[in-house]
Structure formats: C-alpha cells, structure tokens
Protein backbone atom coordinates (compact mmCIF):
# COMPACT_ATOMS: atom_id res chain seq x y z
CA UNK A 1 139.62 103.40 61.19
CA UNK A 2 141.93 100.40 61.18
CA UNK A 3 141.10 97.41 63.33
CA UNK A 4 143.15 96.89 66.47
CA UNK A 5 143.58 94.28 69.18
CA UNK A 6 140.47 94.23 71.44
CA UNK A 7 138.20 95.82 68.83
CA UNK A 8 134.95 93.92 68.36
CA UNK A 9 135.34 91.96 65.14
CA UNK A 10 133.06 93.45 62.47
CA UNK A 11 129.97 91.31 62.07
CA UNK A 12 128.76 90.24 58.65
CA UNK A 13 126.40 87.82 56.96
CA UNK A 14 127.64 86.10 53.83
CA UNK A 15 127.18 83.05 51.66
CA UNK A 16 129.70 80.26 52.14
CA UNK A 17 130.40 76.66 51.25
CA UNK A 18 128.44 75.78 54.42
CA UNK A 19 125.48 78.03 53.55
CA UNK A 20 124.71 81.49 54.86
CA UNK A 21 126.70 82.42 57.95
CA UNK A 22 126.62 85.40 60.30
CA UNK A 23 130.04 85.75 61.91
CA UNK A 24 129.09 86.47 65.53
CA UNK A 25 126.39 83.78 65.57
CA UNK A 26 128.75 81.31 63.93
CA UNK A 27 131.48 81.96 66.53
CA UNK A 28 129.08 81.19 69.39
CA UNK A 29 130.77 80.78 72.78
CA UNK A 30 134.16 79.57 71.53
CA UNK A 31 137.13 81.02 69.67
CA UNK A 32 137.39 81.55 65.93
CA UNK A 33 140.09 81.99 63.32
CA UNK A 34 139.32 83.96 60.17
CA UNK A 35 141.93 83.65 57.43
CA UNK A 36 141.76 85.22 54.01
CA UNK A 37 143.09 84.76 50.49
CA UNK A 38 143.22 86.86 47.32
CA UNK A 39 141.85 84.24 44.93
CA UNK A 40 140.92 80.58 44.44
CA UNK A 41 143.14 78.22 42.44
CA UNK A 42 146.37 79.97 43.43
CA UNK A 43 149.44 77.98 44.49
CA UNK A 44 150.40 79.39 47.91
CA UNK A 45 146.78 79.61 49.02
CA UNK A 46 146.14 75.98 48.07
CA UNK A 47 148.99 74.85 50.32
CA UNK A 48 147.67 77.03 53.15
CA UNK A 49 144.11 75.76 52.91
CA UNK A 50 145.59 72.26 52.86
CA UNK A 51 147.51 73.00 56.06
CA UNK A 52 144.31 74.19 57.74
CA UNK A 53 142.41 71.11 56.54
CA UNK A 54 144.96 68.88 58.27
CA UNK A 55 144.77 70.97 61.48
CA UNK A 56 140.98 71.12 61.82
CA UNK A 57 140.99 68.35 64.51
CA UNK A 58 143.54 70.36 66.52
CA UNK A 59 141.43 73.50 66.32
CA UNK A 60 138.35 71.56 67.42
CA UNK A 61 140.24 70.32 70.50
CA UNK A 62 140.72 73.99 71.39
CA UNK A 63 137.03 74.89 70.97
CA UNK A 64 137.98 76.95 67.94
CA UNK A 65 136.19 77.25 64.62
CA UNK A 66 138.02 78.11 61.40
CA UNK A 67 136.63 80.05 58.45
CA UNK A 68 138.35 80.86 55.17
CA UNK A 69 137.66 83.95 53.08
CA UNK A 70 138.42 84.18 49.37
CA UNK A 71 137.30 86.76 46.82
CA UNK A 72 135.59 84.25 44.53
CA UNK A 73 132.16 82.62 44.43
CA UNK A 74 130.88 79.66 46.42
CA UNK A 75 130.69 77.72 43.16
CA UNK A 76 134.40 78.28 42.58
CA UNK A 77 135.14 77.47 46.24
CA UNK A 78 133.48 74.06 45.92
CA UNK A 79 135.58 73.29 42.84
CA UNK A 80 138.75 74.52 44.56
CA UNK A 81 138.03 72.39 47.63
CA UNK A 82 138.58 69.29 45.50
CA UNK A 83 142.13 70.48 44.74
CA UNK A 84 142.73 71.40 48.38
CA UNK A 85 141.58 68.00 49.64
CA UNK A 86 143.61 66.16 47.01
CA UNK A 87 146.72 68.11 47.99
CA UNK A 88 146.17 67.88 51.75
CA UNK A 89 144.91 64.30 51.96
CA UNK A 90 142.27 65.62 54.39
CA UNK A 91 138.77 67.07 54.06
CA UNK A 92 138.50 70.86 53.97
CA UNK A 93 135.92 70.68 56.74
CA UNK A 94 135.35 74.40 57.33
CA UNK A 95 133.33 77.13 55.59
CA UNK A 96 134.85 79.33 52.90
CA UNK A 97 133.18 82.71 52.51
CA UNK A 98 132.10 84.10 49.14
CA UNK A 99 133.64 87.58 49.16
CA UNK A 100 133.24 88.49 45.50
CA UNK A 101 131.85 91.85 46.69
CA UNK A 102 134.96 92.41 48.86
CA UNK A 103 132.63 93.28 51.74
CA UNK A 104 134.56 91.19 54.27
CA UNK A 105 137.94 92.29 52.89
CA UNK A 106 136.94 95.93 53.40
CA UNK A 107 135.33 95.39 56.82
CA UNK A 108 138.52 93.76 58.08
CA UNK A 109 140.86 96.25 56.39
CA UNK A 110 142.56 93.52 54.37
CA UNK A 111 143.19 95.36 51.11
CA UNK A 112 146.57 96.84 50.14
CA UNK A 113 146.92 100.59 50.15
CA UNK A 114 147.20 100.76 46.36
CA UNK A 115 144.39 98.26 45.70
CA UNK A 116 142.83 98.55 42.27
CA UNK A 117 139.89 96.24 41.82
CA UNK A 118 138.78 96.08 38.18
CA UNK A 119 136.40 93.57 36.69
CA UNK A 120 138.31 90.39 35.98
CA UNK A 121 140.70 91.19 38.81
CA UNK A 122 143.61 88.86 39.41
CA UNK A 123 145.15 87.73 42.70
CA UNK A 124 147.71 90.53 42.33
CA UNK A 125 144.95 93.17 42.50
CA UNK A 126 143.99 92.00 46.01
CA UNK A 127 147.42 90.72 46.95
CA UNK A 128 147.42 91.42 50.67
CA UNK A 129 144.03 89.91 51.29
CA UNK A 130 146.04 87.34 53.29
CA UNK A 131 145.29 88.08 56.90
CA UNK A 132 144.69 85.97 60.02
CA UNK A 133 142.45 87.04 62.88
CA UNK A 134 142.00 85.16 66.14
CA UNK A 135 138.69 86.19 67.70
CA UNK A 136 137.61 85.44 71.27
CA UNK A 137 134.25 84.26 72.62
CA UNK A 138 133.43 87.90 73.41
CA UNK A 139 133.90 88.61 69.67
CA UNK A 140 136.97 90.76 70.34
CA UNK A 141 140.03 90.49 68.12
CA UNK A 142 142.83 88.83 70.07
CA UNK A 143 145.52 88.62 67.38
CA UNK A 144 146.15 89.80 63.80
CA UNK A 145 148.75 88.71 61.25
CA UNK A 146 149.12 89.92 57.66
CA UNK A 147 151.38 88.29 55.09
CA UNK A 148 152.51 89.34 51.61
CA UNK A 149 151.39 87.29 48.66
CA UNK A 150 154.69 85.46 48.24
CA UNK A 151 155.08 84.20 51.82
CA UNK A 152 153.15 81.12 52.92
CA UNK A 153 151.80 81.26 56.46
CA UNK A 154 153.05 78.92 59.18
CA UNK A 155 149.85 77.44 60.58
CA UNK A 156 151.76 75.58 63.26
CA UNK A 157 152.71 79.04 64.56
CA UNK A 158 149.08 80.16 64.32
CA UNK A 159 148.08 77.12 66.39
CA UNK A 160 150.84 77.96 68.90
CA UNK A 161 149.63 81.57 69.05
CA UNK A 162 146.09 80.34 69.67
CA UNK A 163 147.38 78.24 72.58
CA UNK A 164 149.12 81.31 73.98
CA UNK A 165 146.03 83.51 73.57
CA UNK A 166 143.89 80.95 75.36
CA UNK A 167 146.48 80.44 78.09
CA UNK A 168 146.67 84.15 78.90
CA UNK A 169 143.03 85.09 78.35
CA UNK A 170 141.80 86.42 81.70
CA UNK A 171 144.81 85.04 83.59
CA UNK A 172 147.62 87.12 85.19
CA UNK A 173 150.29 85.48 83.02
CA UNK A 174 152.02 86.10 79.70
CA UNK A 175 154.00 83.80 77.43
CA UNK A 176 157.67 84.37 76.61
CA UNK A 177 159.26 84.24 73.18
CA UNK A 178 158.94 80.85 71.47
CA UNK A 179 156.66 79.51 74.22
CA UNK A 180 154.88 76.22 73.65
CA UNK A 181 152.27 74.58 75.92
CA UNK A 182 153.79 73.08 79.06
CA UNK A 183 156.69 75.50 79.24
CA UNK A 184 157.00 78.09 82.00
CA UNK A 185 154.97 81.28 81.72
CA UNK A 186 155.67 84.84 82.84
CA UNK A 187 153.96 86.24 85.92
CA UNK A 188 152.06 89.44 85.14
CA UNK A 189 153.38 92.67 86.70
CA UNK A 190 149.95 93.17 88.28
CA UNK A 191 150.92 90.60 90.94
CA UNK A 192 153.65 91.37 93.43
CA UNK A 193 155.95 88.55 94.55
CA UNK A 194 153.79 87.62 97.53
CA UNK A 195 150.58 87.52 95.50
CA UNK A 196 152.32 85.53 92.75
CA UNK A 197 153.57 82.92 95.23
CA UNK A 198 150.17 82.74 96.84
CA UNK A 199 148.54 82.09 93.47
CA UNK A 200 151.14 79.96 91.69
CA UNK A 201 153.41 78.57 94.39
CA UNK A 202 157.05 78.77 93.41
CA UNK A 203 158.20 81.57 91.13
CA UNK A 204 161.60 82.10 89.54
CA UNK A 205 162.78 85.70 89.60
CA UNK A 206 165.17 86.30 86.69
CA UNK A 207 164.94 90.10 86.86
CA UNK A 208 162.85 92.30 89.15
CA UNK A 209 160.30 92.64 86.34
CA UNK A 210 160.75 89.17 84.77
CA UNK A 211 159.37 86.31 86.87
CA UNK A 212 158.54 82.81 85.68
CA UNK A 213 156.25 80.13 87.04
CA UNK A 214 155.12 76.70 85.90
CA UNK A 215 152.41 76.56 83.26
CA UNK A 216 149.25 76.41 85.42
CA UNK A 217 147.57 74.06 82.98
CA UNK A 218 150.50 71.70 82.40
C-alpha cells in the first residue's frame, strides 16, 4: 500500500555516513526531513545536496534533522561529500544513508512504476528515487513531494513548507497559497466566528468560509 499523509513513517535501521541509524530513534522528539536521490556523483543531486548543506543551520533553528538517502555505499557517499562541500561552500553536516539494497527506497515507495534494477544500475534505473518527506515528532508523515529526475528541487520551498507544517500542527489554522512566516493565516472551519475572535482577537472575513487572522507566532 502506498504511503499517505498521517501514516507512520516506516522505520528502518541502516548504515550511513554518520554510522548506523534507526530512523525513529534518530528523529527523537523533533521534526525530520528525509530526501532521496537515485545515485551519487550526479549533477542535479549534487546541487540539491549543496542546497541542503547551506540550509542545515535553518533546519536546526526549527528543531528539524535532515537525512539524505542515495542508492550507493557509504564509501561512495564520503567521496561524494567532498564534491558537495566544494560546490556548496558549506559542510554537508547531515547523514547520508547507504541504500544499495534499495530497502529504504522500497519502504517509502520511491521507485518508478517501471523500475528495472539490474546489477550496475544507473541513475536512470531508479530515476524517481527523488522524494521528500517531512516527518513529525510523532513519526507521522506530514508532507510528501516527488520530483522527476530532470527537475531540481526548490529547498527554499521545502523550508517554507516546513514552517507551514509546524505553524499548523495541532493549531486551528491553515496557511494560504504562497504563505510565508509572519503573514496572515486562515482560521480553521472548526471554529465559528465567536470562538475564532475569542481565541485570536480580530478576524477578517473575506468569505463565509474564508477567514484570516494575524499569524499567532509573528
């Protein structure tokens, strides 16, 4: 069965550039981002790992750990990290999982429908192993994104999505299109106007079902 929002993220234990890790233990009581790649030493993936390396301090501010997954060995990952760090101008200070067995790729339903995985496979054989999962402290999947091989991910958007997930987690609010921290949020339909005003103060009613209020954390 395919994974869906609010499923418990499949747990696994694997070798990584930071030693053996068990996903649920590694996540602990914070958030986590798991992002995957079809192969080391590939051009788009190198730029993406570089983007994550530069953003690690921002993720840490949000109590969020980041883990990469690639279908090569830890030995290759360590070699690739040198390229990533040279490109990014920042340390790749996060674990990269050894998924030569494709265990994680299969657990998280990352493989393309027509996947053919011969010995000596190339990046094309596992092309859509390019997925992002945001996982909450309760180990539930909060968000999923999957990209084709030719399209580099926008990690600024992933950071923005993380902010939105954390803003709305357990709170009766939602975020509108293109929301960024500090902008107004949407009042959840579970609150009527009186309850919304009691909780948030002023609300702006644009439509009977579309009500805005100030970002509670701004």
